[in-house]
Amino acid sequence: DGDIPAEGAVADFGYTSMDMVVDMVCRCKDSAVDDIQLKVVQCILSIITTNTVEIHEFALMIAVQACYHIHLVSKNQVNRSSAKSTLNQMLSIVFQRMEAYDLRMADLSLVDGLSGSLSIR
């Protein structure tokens, strides 16, 4: 009840709609029901791997924490291995996207540098 900011306050805290979705999904990580734990892991993987939304900071942190938590506390081996695999995939994707972003920024810097040196006097 008191953990979720009021609808108007979401923007005040800098949370996006996806931050709130990830938060709600990750809150289910403590469920003792194996199927719910597995669905949490699957949902996190779907959110992280999609190219249509970006997950940063708060949402990324709690997604990593949820997978790690499920891997540590689940008594179901399928859930443990799924959480571990999802965590590996998630971190791999994050680093791939960071490297791609760095390359795009380097290309833009190169183009900006070339356009400045090619000016006609």
Protein backbone atom coordinates (compact mmCIF):
# COMPACT_ATOMS: atom_id res chain seq x y z
CA ASP A 1 0.00 0.00 0.00
CA GLY A 2 2.55 2.63 1.09
CA ASP A 3 5.41 1.35 -1.08
CA ILE A 4 3.99 2.48 -4.42
CA PRO A 5 3.91 6.21 -5.08
CA ALA A 6 0.56 7.74 -6.02
CA GLU A 7 -0.08 7.94 -9.77
CA GLY A 8 0.71 11.65 -9.97
CA ALA A 9 3.87 11.18 -7.93
CA VAL A 10 5.38 8.63 -10.33
CA ALA A 11 6.74 11.37 -12.57
CA ASP A 12 8.01 13.27 -9.52
CA PHE A 13 10.22 10.32 -8.59
CA GLY A 14 11.42 9.85 -12.16
CA TYR A 15 9.83 6.41 -12.53
CA THR A 16 8.63 5.36 -15.95
CA SER A 17 5.68 3.08 -16.60
CA MET A 18 8.10 0.23 -17.31
CA ASP A 19 9.86 0.88 -13.99
CA MET A 20 6.51 0.33 -12.29
CA VAL A 21 5.80 -2.83 -14.33
CA VAL A 22 9.21 -4.30 -13.48
CA ASP A 23 8.72 -3.38 -9.83
CA MET A 24 5.34 -5.12 -9.67
CA VAL A 25 6.70 -8.25 -11.36
CA CYS A 26 9.77 -8.37 -9.14
CA ARG A 27 7.69 -8.06 -5.97
CA CYS A 28 6.43 -11.57 -6.71
CA LYS A 29 9.94 -13.02 -6.33
CA ASP A 30 9.24 -13.93 -2.69
CA SER A 31 6.36 -16.23 -3.58
CA ALA A 32 6.78 -19.77 -2.33
CA VAL A 33 4.88 -21.06 -5.38
CA ASP A 34 7.33 -22.49 -7.91
CA ASP A 35 5.20 -21.55 -10.92
CA ILE A 36 5.08 -17.91 -9.84
CA GLN A 37 8.85 -17.78 -9.39
CA LEU A 38 9.31 -19.22 -12.87
CA LYS A 39 6.87 -16.71 -14.38
CA VAL A 40 8.75 -13.86 -12.67
CA VAL A 41 11.99 -15.03 -14.28
CA GLN A 42 10.34 -15.47 -17.68
CA CYS A 43 8.71 -12.06 -17.51
CA ILE A 44 11.98 -10.37 -16.55
CA LEU A 45 13.73 -12.04 -19.46
CA SER A 46 11.01 -10.89 -21.87
CA ILE A 47 11.18 -7.31 -20.62
CA ILE A 48 14.97 -7.14 -20.75
CA THR A 49 15.35 -8.75 -24.17
CA THR A 50 12.74 -6.68 -25.99
CA ASN A 51 13.99 -3.90 -28.23
CA THR A 52 10.86 -1.78 -27.83
CA VAL A 53 11.46 -0.57 -24.27
CA GLU A 54 14.56 0.44 -22.38
CA ILE A 55 15.20 -0.62 -18.82
CA HIS A 56 17.66 1.44 -16.80
CA GLU A 57 18.77 2.16 -13.24
CA PHE A 58 16.04 1.25 -10.72
CA ALA A 59 14.21 -1.28 -12.89
CA LEU A 60 17.41 -2.96 -14.07
CA MET A 61 18.72 -3.19 -10.52
CA ILE A 62 15.58 -4.81 -9.12
CA ALA A 63 15.37 -7.20 -12.09
CA VAL A 64 18.92 -8.39 -11.38
CA GLN A 65 18.13 -8.66 -7.66
CA ALA A 66 14.96 -10.67 -8.33
CA CYS A 67 16.76 -13.23 -10.52
CA TYR A 68 19.59 -13.52 -8.01
CA HIS A 69 17.11 -13.92 -5.15
CA ILE A 70 15.15 -16.66 -6.93
CA HIS A 71 18.37 -18.47 -7.76
CA LEU A 72 19.42 -18.39 -4.12
CA VAL A 73 16.16 -19.26 -2.35
CA SER A 74 14.21 -21.46 -4.74
CA LYS A 75 14.07 -25.12 -3.87
CA ASN A 76 13.05 -25.96 -7.44
CA GLN A 77 16.08 -26.77 -9.60
CA VAL A 78 14.36 -25.64 -12.81
CA ASN A 79 13.69 -22.23 -11.27
CA ARG A 80 17.24 -21.97 -9.96
CA SER A 81 18.79 -22.76 -13.32
CA SER A 82 16.30 -20.53 -15.17
CA ALA A 83 17.10 -17.62 -12.86
CA LYS A 84 20.83 -18.17 -13.32
CA SER A 85 20.48 -18.39 -17.09
CA THR A 86 18.29 -15.29 -17.19
CA LEU A 87 20.77 -13.37 -15.08
CA ASN A 88 23.60 -14.33 -17.44
CA GLN A 89 21.55 -13.38 -20.51
CA MET A 90 20.41 -10.13 -18.96
CA LEU A 91 23.91 -8.98 -18.10
CA SER A 92 25.22 -10.05 -21.50
CA ILE A 93 22.50 -8.05 -23.25
CA VAL A 94 23.16 -4.99 -21.08
CA PHE A 95 26.86 -5.03 -21.97
CA GLN A 96 26.14 -5.61 -25.66
CA ARG A 97 23.82 -2.61 -25.68
CA MET A 98 26.39 -0.49 -23.83
CA GLU A 99 29.06 -1.39 -26.38
CA ALA A 100 26.70 -0.67 -29.29
CA TYR A 101 25.84 2.70 -27.74
CA ASP A 102 29.55 3.53 -27.37
CA LEU A 103 30.13 2.68 -31.04
CA ARG A 104 27.21 4.88 -32.12
CA MET A 105 28.55 7.77 -30.06
CA ALA A 106 32.05 7.29 -31.49
CA ASP A 107 30.60 7.29 -35.02
CA LEU A 108 28.66 10.47 -34.29
CA SER A 109 31.78 12.14 -32.91
CA LEU A 110 33.70 11.15 -36.02
CA VAL A 111 30.98 12.52 -38.30
CA ASP A 112 30.82 15.76 -36.29
CA GLY A 113 34.61 16.09 -36.47
CA LEU A 114 34.65 15.51 -40.21
CA SER A 115 31.82 17.92 -40.93
CA GLY A 116 33.67 20.64 -38.99
CA SER A 117 36.90 20.12 -40.89
CA LEU A 118 35.19 20.02 -44.30
CA SER A 119 33.64 23.44 -44.07
CA ILE A 120 34.16 25.69 -47.08
CA ARG A 121 35.79 29.07 -46.47
